[in-house]
Amino acid sequence: GGDRVGQVIAGLVSFFNPGLVVIGGGVTGLGHTLLATI
């Protein structure tokens, strides 16, 4: 799941060039394993 979410966010980051990305909602309960993969 982190791989797939990370691929989508990678495209958005390349297009929008944000200063910060915050992963929010219920998936935050999955913790740092998800975050590291993203």
PDB file of all heavy atoms in Angstrom:
ATOM      1  N   GLY A   1       0.823  -1.210   0.000  1.00  0.00           N
ATOM      2  CA  GLY A   1       0.000   0.000   0.000  1.00  0.00           C
ATOM      3  C   GLY A   1       0.855   1.257   0.000  1.00  0.00           C
ATOM      4  O   GLY A   1       0.558   2.221  -0.707  1.00  0.00           O
ATOM      5  N   GLY A   2       1.922   1.249   0.787  1.00  0.00           N
ATOM      6  CA  GLY A   2       2.835   2.394   0.828  1.00  0.00           C
ATOM      7  C   GLY A   2       3.510   2.633  -0.503  1.00  0.00           C
ATOM      8  O   GLY A   2       3.709   3.782  -0.911  1.00  0.00           O
ATOM      9  N   ASP A   3       3.852   1.554  -1.201  1.00  0.00           N
ATOM     10  CA  ASP A   3       4.447   1.687  -2.537  1.00  0.00           C
ATOM     11  C   ASP A   3       3.485   2.394  -3.481  1.00  0.00           C
ATOM     12  O   ASP A   3       3.869   3.307  -4.212  1.00  0.00           O
ATOM     13  CB  ASP A   3       4.809   0.320  -3.119  1.00  0.00           C
ATOM     14  CG  ASP A   3       6.097  -0.252  -2.551  1.00  0.00           C
ATOM     15  OD1 ASP A   3       6.913   0.519  -2.004  1.00  0.00           O
ATOM     16  OD2 ASP A   3       6.278  -1.479  -2.658  1.00  0.00           O
ATOM     17  N   ARG A   4       2.239   1.970  -3.456  1.00  0.00           N
ATOM     18  CA  ARG A   4       1.243   2.549  -4.375  1.00  0.00           C
ATOM     19  C   ARG A   4       0.935   3.999  -4.030  1.00  0.00           C
ATOM     20  O   ARG A   4       0.852   4.855  -4.911  1.00  0.00           O
ATOM     21  CB  ARG A   4      -0.025   1.709  -4.359  1.00  0.00           C
ATOM     22  CG  ARG A   4       0.206   0.343  -4.976  1.00  0.00           C
ATOM     23  CD  ARG A   4      -1.013  -0.504  -4.945  1.00  0.00           C
ATOM     24  NE  ARG A   4      -0.697  -1.842  -5.429  1.00  0.00           N
ATOM     25  CZ  ARG A   4      -1.574  -2.644  -5.981  1.00  0.00           C
ATOM     26  NH1 ARG A   4      -2.816  -2.258  -6.102  1.00  0.00           N
ATOM     27  NH2 ARG A   4      -1.208  -3.828  -6.389  1.00  0.00           N
ATOM     28  N   VAL A   5       0.754   4.269  -2.758  1.00  0.00           N
ATOM     29  CA  VAL A   5       0.495   5.655  -2.337  1.00  0.00           C
ATOM     30  C   VAL A   5       1.712   6.521  -2.658  1.00  0.00           C
ATOM     31  O   VAL A   5       1.576   7.647  -3.150  1.00  0.00           O
ATOM     32  CB  VAL A   5       0.146   5.719  -0.834  1.00  0.00           C
ATOM     33  CG1 VAL A   5       0.106   7.152  -0.336  1.00  0.00           C
ATOM     34  CG2 VAL A   5      -1.178   5.016  -0.568  1.00  0.00           C
ATOM     35  N   GLY A   6       2.898   6.008  -2.406  1.00  0.00           N
ATOM     36  CA  GLY A   6       4.123   6.743  -2.690  1.00  0.00           C
ATOM     37  C   GLY A   6       4.284   7.070  -4.159  1.00  0.00           C
ATOM     38  O   GLY A   6       4.753   8.156  -4.520  1.00  0.00           O
ATOM     39  N   GLN A   7       3.884   6.155  -5.046  1.00  0.00           N
ATOM     40  CA  GLN A   7       3.971   6.416  -6.480  1.00  0.00           C
ATOM     41  C   GLN A   7       3.055   7.567  -6.887  1.00  0.00           C
ATOM     42  O   GLN A   7       3.439   8.429  -7.680  1.00  0.00           O
ATOM     43  CB  GLN A   7       3.609   5.151  -7.259  1.00  0.00           C
ATOM     44  CG  GLN A   7       4.651   4.069  -7.142  1.00  0.00           C
ATOM     45  CD  GLN A   7       4.173   2.735  -7.702  1.00  0.00           C
ATOM     46  OE1 GLN A   7       3.067   2.617  -8.207  1.00  0.00           O
ATOM     47  NE2 GLN A   7       5.017   1.711  -7.590  1.00  0.00           N
ATOM     48  N   VAL A   8       1.852   7.592  -6.326  1.00  0.00           N
ATOM     49  CA  VAL A   8       0.923   8.679  -6.637  1.00  0.00           C
ATOM     50  C   VAL A   8       1.448   9.999  -6.085  1.00  0.00           C
ATOM     51  O   VAL A   8       1.457  11.023  -6.782  1.00  0.00           O
ATOM     52  CB  VAL A   8      -0.484   8.372  -6.077  1.00  0.00           C
ATOM     53  CG1 VAL A   8      -1.404   9.573  -6.220  1.00  0.00           C
ATOM     54  CG2 VAL A   8      -1.074   7.156  -6.767  1.00  0.00           C
ATOM     55  N   ILE A   9       1.908   9.978  -4.843  1.00  0.00           N
ATOM     56  CA  ILE A   9       2.416  11.208  -4.233  1.00  0.00           C
ATOM     57  C   ILE A   9       3.651  11.703  -4.978  1.00  0.00           C
ATOM     58  O   ILE A   9       3.854  12.910  -5.135  1.00  0.00           O
ATOM     59  CB  ILE A   9       2.696  10.999  -2.733  1.00  0.00           C
ATOM     60  CG1 ILE A   9       1.374  10.783  -1.989  1.00  0.00           C
ATOM     61  CG2 ILE A   9       3.444  12.188  -2.142  1.00  0.00           C
ATOM     62  CD1 ILE A   9       1.536  10.423  -0.532  1.00  0.00           C
ATOM     63  N   ALA A  10       4.476  10.797  -5.480  1.00  0.00           N
ATOM     64  CA  ALA A  10       5.671  11.194  -6.237  1.00  0.00           C
ATOM     65  C   ALA A  10       5.293  12.026  -7.455  1.00  0.00           C
ATOM     66  O   ALA A  10       5.927  13.047  -7.752  1.00  0.00           O
ATOM     67  CB  ALA A  10       6.466   9.961  -6.656  1.00  0.00           C
ATOM     68  N   GLY A  11       4.257  11.619  -8.163  1.00  0.00           N
ATOM     69  CA  GLY A  11       3.795  12.394  -9.312  1.00  0.00           C
ATOM     70  C   GLY A  11       3.284  13.760  -8.902  1.00  0.00           C
ATOM     71  O   GLY A  11       3.565  14.766  -9.555  1.00  0.00           O
ATOM     72  N   LEU A  12       2.547  13.804  -7.793  1.00  0.00           N
ATOM     73  CA  LEU A  12       2.026  15.082  -7.306  1.00  0.00           C
ATOM     74  C   LEU A  12       3.142  16.007  -6.847  1.00  0.00           C
ATOM     75  O   LEU A  12       3.105  17.216  -7.088  1.00  0.00           O
ATOM     76  CB  LEU A  12       1.036  14.836  -6.163  1.00  0.00           C
ATOM     77  CG  LEU A  12      -0.248  14.093  -6.552  1.00  0.00           C
ATOM     78  CD1 LEU A  12      -1.034  13.710  -5.308  1.00  0.00           C
ATOM     79  CD2 LEU A  12      -1.083  14.936  -7.490  1.00  0.00           C
ATOM     80  N   VAL A  13       4.147  15.438  -6.194  1.00  0.00           N
ATOM     81  CA  VAL A  13       5.287  16.238  -5.726  1.00  0.00           C
ATOM     82  C   VAL A  13       6.042  16.824  -6.914  1.00  0.00           C
ATOM     83  O   VAL A  13       6.417  17.993  -6.909  1.00  0.00           O
ATOM     84  CB  VAL A  13       6.221  15.383  -4.829  1.00  0.00           C
ATOM     85  CG1 VAL A  13       7.567  16.043  -4.638  1.00  0.00           C
ATOM     86  CG2 VAL A  13       5.557  15.135  -3.480  1.00  0.00           C
ATOM     87  N   SER A  14       6.262  16.022  -7.942  1.00  0.00           N
ATOM     88  CA  SER A  14       6.968  16.520  -9.125  1.00  0.00           C
ATOM     89  C   SER A  14       6.190  17.626  -9.821  1.00  0.00           C
ATOM     90  O   SER A  14       6.771  18.547 -10.375  1.00  0.00           O
ATOM     91  CB  SER A  14       7.232  15.383 -10.106  1.00  0.00           C
ATOM     92  OG  SER A  14       8.156  14.469  -9.559  1.00  0.00           O
ATOM     93  N   PHE A  15       4.856  17.543  -9.796  1.00  0.00           N
ATOM     94  CA  PHE A  15       4.031  18.541 -10.477  1.00  0.00           C
ATOM     95  C   PHE A  15       3.851  19.812  -9.651  1.00  0.00           C
ATOM     96  O   PHE A  15       4.005  20.912 -10.153  1.00  0.00           O
ATOM     97  CB  PHE A  15       2.667  17.930 -10.809  1.00  0.00           C
ATOM     98  CG  PHE A  15       1.803  18.826 -11.643  1.00  0.00           C
ATOM     99  CD1 PHE A  15       2.031  18.952 -13.000  1.00  0.00           C
ATOM    100  CD2 PHE A  15       0.772  19.543 -11.064  1.00  0.00           C
ATOM    101  CE1 PHE A  15       1.247  19.786 -13.776  1.00  0.00           C
ATOM    102  CE2 PHE A  15      -0.024  20.375 -11.833  1.00  0.00           C
ATOM    103  CZ  PHE A  15       0.210  20.500 -13.198  1.00  0.00           C
ATOM    104  N   PHE A  16       3.516  19.655  -8.346  1.00  0.00           N
ATOM    105  CA  PHE A  16       3.175  20.810  -7.522  1.00  0.00           C
ATOM    106  C   PHE A  16       4.351  21.396  -6.736  1.00  0.00           C
ATOM    107  O   PHE A  16       4.275  22.532  -6.283  1.00  0.00           O
ATOM    108  CB  PHE A  16       2.061  20.449  -6.528  1.00  0.00           C
ATOM    109  CG  PHE A  16       0.728  20.259  -7.187  1.00  0.00           C
ATOM    110  CD1 PHE A  16       0.177  19.002  -7.310  1.00  0.00           C
ATOM    111  CD2 PHE A  16       0.026  21.338  -7.687  1.00  0.00           C
ATOM    112  CE1 PHE A  16      -1.056  18.815  -7.910  1.00  0.00           C
ATOM    113  CE2 PHE A  16      -1.214  21.167  -8.294  1.00  0.00           C
ATOM    114  CZ  PHE A  16      -1.748  19.897  -8.407  1.00  0.00           C
ATOM    115  N   ASN A  17       5.399  20.605  -6.512  1.00  0.00           N
ATOM    116  CA  ASN A  17       6.573  21.054  -5.755  1.00  0.00           C
ATOM    117  C   ASN A  17       6.192  21.631  -4.388  1.00  0.00           C
ATOM    118  O   ASN A  17       6.495  22.781  -4.074  1.00  0.00           O
ATOM    119  CB  ASN A  17       7.380  22.065  -6.572  1.00  0.00           C
ATOM    120  CG  ASN A  17       8.749  22.314  -5.977  1.00  0.00           C
ATOM    121  OD1 ASN A  17       9.256  21.510  -5.211  1.00  0.00           O
ATOM    122  ND2 ASN A  17       9.338  23.439  -6.317  1.00  0.00           N
ATOM    123  N   PRO A  18       5.528  20.837  -3.520  1.00  0.00           N
ATOM    124  CA  PRO A  18       5.107  21.357  -2.214  1.00  0.00           C
ATOM    125  C   PRO A  18       6.283  21.497  -1.251  1.00  0.00           C
ATOM    126  O   PRO A  18       7.351  20.923  -1.467  1.00  0.00           O
ATOM    127  CB  PRO A  18       4.135  20.273  -1.719  1.00  0.00           C
ATOM    128  CG  PRO A  18       4.678  19.020  -2.317  1.00  0.00           C
ATOM    129  CD  PRO A  18       5.187  19.422  -3.680  1.00  0.00           C
ATOM    130  N   GLY A  19       6.069  22.241  -0.196  1.00  0.00           N
ATOM    131  CA  GLY A  19       7.085  22.394   0.832  1.00  0.00           C
ATOM    132  C   GLY A  19       6.971  21.358   1.936  1.00  0.00           C
ATOM    133  O   GLY A  19       7.874  21.207   2.751  1.00  0.00           O
ATOM    134  N   LEU A  20       5.838  20.631   1.984  1.00  0.00           N
ATOM    135  CA  LEU A  20       5.579  19.653   3.032  1.00  0.00           C
ATOM    136  C   LEU A  20       4.515  18.687   2.544  1.00  0.00           C
ATOM    137  O   LEU A  20       3.564  19.092   1.884  1.00  0.00           O
ATOM    138  CB  LEU A  20       5.089  20.367   4.302  1.00  0.00           C
ATOM    139  CG  LEU A  20       4.582  19.528   5.458  1.00  0.00           C
ATOM    140  CD1 LEU A  20       5.723  18.752   6.105  1.00  0.00           C
ATOM    141  CD2 LEU A  20       3.901  20.426   6.490  1.00  0.00           C
ATOM    142  N   VAL A  21       4.669  17.416   2.884  1.00  0.00           N
ATOM    143  CA  VAL A  21       3.642  16.411   2.613  1.00  0.00           C
ATOM    144  C   VAL A  21       3.242  15.811   3.949  1.00  0.00           C
ATOM    145  O   VAL A  21       4.095  15.323   4.695  1.00  0.00           O
ATOM    146  CB  VAL A  21       4.156  15.299   1.666  1.00  0.00           C
ATOM    147  CG1 VAL A  21       3.114  14.195   1.511  1.00  0.00           C
ATOM    148  CG2 VAL A  21       4.526  15.874   0.310  1.00  0.00           C
ATOM    149  N   VAL A  22       1.939  15.858   4.244  1.00  0.00           N
ATOM    150  CA  VAL A  22       1.414  15.294   5.487  1.00  0.00           C
ATOM    151  C   VAL A  22       0.495  14.133   5.129  1.00  0.00           C
ATOM    152  O   VAL A  22      -0.455  14.300   4.378  1.00  0.00           O
ATOM    153  CB  VAL A  22       0.642  16.348   6.311  1.00  0.00           C
ATOM    154  CG1 VAL A  22       0.080  15.732   7.581  1.00  0.00           C
ATOM    155  CG2 VAL A  22       1.537  17.539   6.635  1.00  0.00           C
ATOM    156  N   ILE A  23       0.792  12.964   5.667  1.00  0.00           N
ATOM    157  CA  ILE A  23      -0.047  11.789   5.498  1.00  0.00           C
ATOM    158  C   ILE A  23      -1.004  11.779   6.685  1.00  0.00           C
ATOM    159  O   ILE A  23      -0.567  11.688   7.832  1.00  0.00           O
ATOM    160  CB  ILE A  23       0.792  10.485   5.476  1.00  0.00           C
ATOM    161  CG1 ILE A  23       1.936  10.573   4.459  1.00  0.00           C
ATOM    162  CG2 ILE A  23      -0.094   9.280   5.237  1.00  0.00           C
ATOM    163  CD1 ILE A  23       1.518  10.742   3.044  1.00  0.00           C
ATOM    164  N   GLY A  24      -2.302  11.870   6.417  1.00  0.00           N
ATOM    165  CA  GLY A  24      -3.253  11.984   7.508  1.00  0.00           C
ATOM    166  C   GLY A  24      -4.369  10.964   7.431  1.00  0.00           C
ATOM    167  O   GLY A  24      -4.447  10.159   6.504  1.00  0.00           O
ATOM    168  N   GLY A  25      -5.225  11.007   8.426  1.00  0.00           N
ATOM    169  CA  GLY A  25      -6.374  10.115   8.478  1.00  0.00           C
ATOM    170  C   GLY A  25      -6.065   8.832   9.214  1.00  0.00           C
ATOM    171  O   GLY A  25      -5.086   8.714   9.947  1.00  0.00           O
ATOM    172  N   GLY A  26      -6.909   7.841   8.992  1.00  0.00           N
ATOM    173  CA  GLY A  26      -6.800   6.573   9.700  1.00  0.00           C
ATOM    174  C   GLY A  26      -5.522   5.806   9.416  1.00  0.00           C
ATOM    175  O   GLY A  26      -5.071   5.023  10.250  1.00  0.00           O
ATOM    176  N   VAL A  27      -4.917   6.034   8.238  1.00  0.00           N
ATOM    177  CA  VAL A  27      -3.694   5.287   7.905  1.00  0.00           C
ATOM    178  C   VAL A  27      -2.515   5.686   8.783  1.00  0.00           C
ATOM    179  O   VAL A  27      -1.513   4.964   8.833  1.00  0.00           O
ATOM    180  CB  VAL A  27      -3.308   5.432   6.419  1.00  0.00           C
ATOM    181  CG1 VAL A  27      -4.364   4.865   5.514  1.00  0.00           C
ATOM    182  CG2 VAL A  27      -2.994   6.870   6.062  1.00  0.00           C
ATOM    183  N   THR A  28      -2.619   6.792   9.496  1.00  0.00           N
ATOM    184  CA  THR A  28      -1.516   7.177  10.374  1.00  0.00           C
ATOM    185  C   THR A  28      -1.309   6.147  11.478  1.00  0.00           C
ATOM    186  O   THR A  28      -0.230   6.050  12.041  1.00  0.00           O
ATOM    187  CB  THR A  28      -1.750   8.564  11.003  1.00  0.00           C
ATOM    188  OG1 THR A  28      -2.966   8.553  11.734  1.00  0.00           O
ATOM    189  CG2 THR A  28      -1.785   9.640   9.943  1.00  0.00           C
ATOM    190  N   GLY A  29      -2.349   5.363  11.757  1.00  0.00           N
ATOM    191  CA  GLY A  29      -2.233   4.308  12.758  1.00  0.00           C
ATOM    192  C   GLY A  29      -1.312   3.179  12.321  1.00  0.00           C
ATOM    193  O   GLY A  29      -0.877   2.378  13.145  1.00  0.00           O
ATOM    194  N   LEU A  30      -1.015   3.104  11.024  1.00  0.00           N
ATOM    195  CA  LEU A  30      -0.093   2.076  10.535  1.00  0.00           C
ATOM    196  C   LEU A  30       1.356   2.440  10.821  1.00  0.00           C
ATOM    197  O   LEU A  30       2.236   1.605  10.693  1.00  0.00           O
ATOM    198  CB  LEU A  30      -0.310   1.842   9.034  1.00  0.00           C
ATOM    199  CG  LEU A  30      -1.708   1.335   8.680  1.00  0.00           C
ATOM    200  CD1 LEU A  30      -1.865   1.265   7.174  1.00  0.00           C
ATOM    201  CD2 LEU A  30      -1.983  -0.009   9.320  1.00  0.00           C
ATOM    202  N   GLY A  31       1.598   3.672  11.157  1.00  0.00           N
ATOM    203  CA  GLY A  31       2.887   4.099  11.680  1.00  0.00           C
ATOM    204  C   GLY A  31       4.015   4.231  10.683  1.00  0.00           C
ATOM    205  O   GLY A  31       3.824   4.479   9.501  1.00  0.00           O
ATOM    206  N   HIS A  32       5.191   4.030  11.209  1.00  0.00           N
ATOM    207  CA  HIS A  32       6.405   4.347  10.468  1.00  0.00           C
ATOM    208  C   HIS A  32       6.741   3.339   9.376  1.00  0.00           C
ATOM    209  O   HIS A  32       7.507   3.655   8.477  1.00  0.00           O
ATOM    210  CB  HIS A  32       7.563   4.540  11.445  1.00  0.00           C
ATOM    211  CG  HIS A  32       7.362   5.758  12.297  1.00  0.00           C
ATOM    212  ND1 HIS A  32       7.528   7.024  11.805  1.00  0.00           N
ATOM    213  CD2 HIS A  32       6.950   5.897  13.572  1.00  0.00           C
ATOM    214  CE1 HIS A  32       7.257   7.907  12.744  1.00  0.00           C
ATOM    215  NE2 HIS A  32       6.894   7.244  13.844  1.00  0.00           N
ATOM    216  N   THR A  33       6.169   2.151   9.419  1.00  0.00           N
ATOM    217  CA  THR A  33       6.393   1.204   8.324  1.00  0.00           C
ATOM    218  C   THR A  33       5.796   1.763   7.041  1.00  0.00           C
ATOM    219  O   THR A  33       6.440   1.775   5.987  1.00  0.00           O
ATOM    220  CB  THR A  33       5.761  -0.173   8.640  1.00  0.00           C
ATOM    221  OG1 THR A  33       6.338  -0.672   9.842  1.00  0.00           O
ATOM    222  CG2 THR A  33       5.979  -1.151   7.513  1.00  0.00           C
ATOM    223  N   LEU A  34       4.568   2.262   7.121  1.00  0.00           N
ATOM    224  CA  LEU A  34       3.925   2.866   5.968  1.00  0.00           C
ATOM    225  C   LEU A  34       4.669   4.125   5.542  1.00  0.00           C
ATOM    226  O   LEU A  34       4.936   4.327   4.358  1.00  0.00           O
ATOM    227  CB  LEU A  34       2.470   3.208   6.288  1.00  0.00           C
ATOM    228  CG  LEU A  34       1.699   3.902   5.166  1.00  0.00           C
ATOM    229  CD1 LEU A  34       1.442   2.940   4.022  1.00  0.00           C
ATOM    230  CD2 LEU A  34       0.406   4.480   5.693  1.00  0.00           C
ATOM    231  N   LEU A  35       5.005   4.972   6.495  1.00  0.00           N
ATOM    232  CA  LEU A  35       5.676   6.231   6.194  1.00  0.00           C
ATOM    233  C   LEU A  35       7.014   6.002   5.504  1.00  0.00           C
ATOM    234  O   LEU A  35       7.339   6.677   4.518  1.00  0.00           O
ATOM    235  CB  LEU A  35       5.872   7.047   7.475  1.00  0.00           C
ATOM    236  CG  LEU A  35       6.492   8.426   7.299  1.00  0.00           C
ATOM    237  CD1 LEU A  35       5.608   9.313   6.429  1.00  0.00           C
ATOM    238  CD2 LEU A  35       6.722   9.061   8.659  1.00  0.00           C
ATOM    239  N   ALA A  36       7.786   5.044   5.975  1.00  0.00           N
ATOM    240  CA  ALA A  36       9.097   4.766   5.368  1.00  0.00           C
ATOM    241  C   ALA A  36       8.941   4.300   3.929  1.00  0.00           C
ATOM    242  O   ALA A  36       9.722   4.699   3.050  1.00  0.00           O
ATOM    243  CB  ALA A  36       9.842   3.721   6.192  1.00  0.00           C
ATOM    244  N   THR A  37       7.942   3.479   3.658  1.00  0.00           N
ATOM    245  CA  THR A  37       7.728   2.988   2.301  1.00  0.00           C
ATOM    246  C   THR A  37       7.286   4.114   1.382  1.00  0.00           C
ATOM    247  O   THR A  37       7.755   4.224   0.245  1.00  0.00           O
ATOM    248  CB  THR A  37       6.670   1.861   2.296  1.00  0.00           C
ATOM    249  OG1 THR A  37       7.051   0.872   3.253  1.00  0.00           O
ATOM    250  CG2 THR A  37       6.556   1.224   0.946  1.00  0.00           C
ATOM    251  N   ILE A  38       6.405   4.983   1.855  1.00  0.00           N
ATOM    252  CA  ILE A  38       5.973   6.131   1.057  1.00  0.00           C
ATOM    253  C   ILE A  38       7.155   7.044   0.760  1.00  0.00           C
ATOM    254  O   ILE A  38       7.363   7.460  -0.384  1.00  0.00           O
ATOM    255  CB  ILE A  38       4.843   6.902   1.774  1.00  0.00           C
ATOM    256  CG1 ILE A  38       3.564   6.065   1.804  1.00  0.00           C
ATOM    257  CG2 ILE A  38       4.586   8.248   1.104  1.00  0.00           C
ATOM    258  CD1 ILE A  38       2.448   6.648   2.650  1.00  0.00           C
TER     259      ILE A  38
END
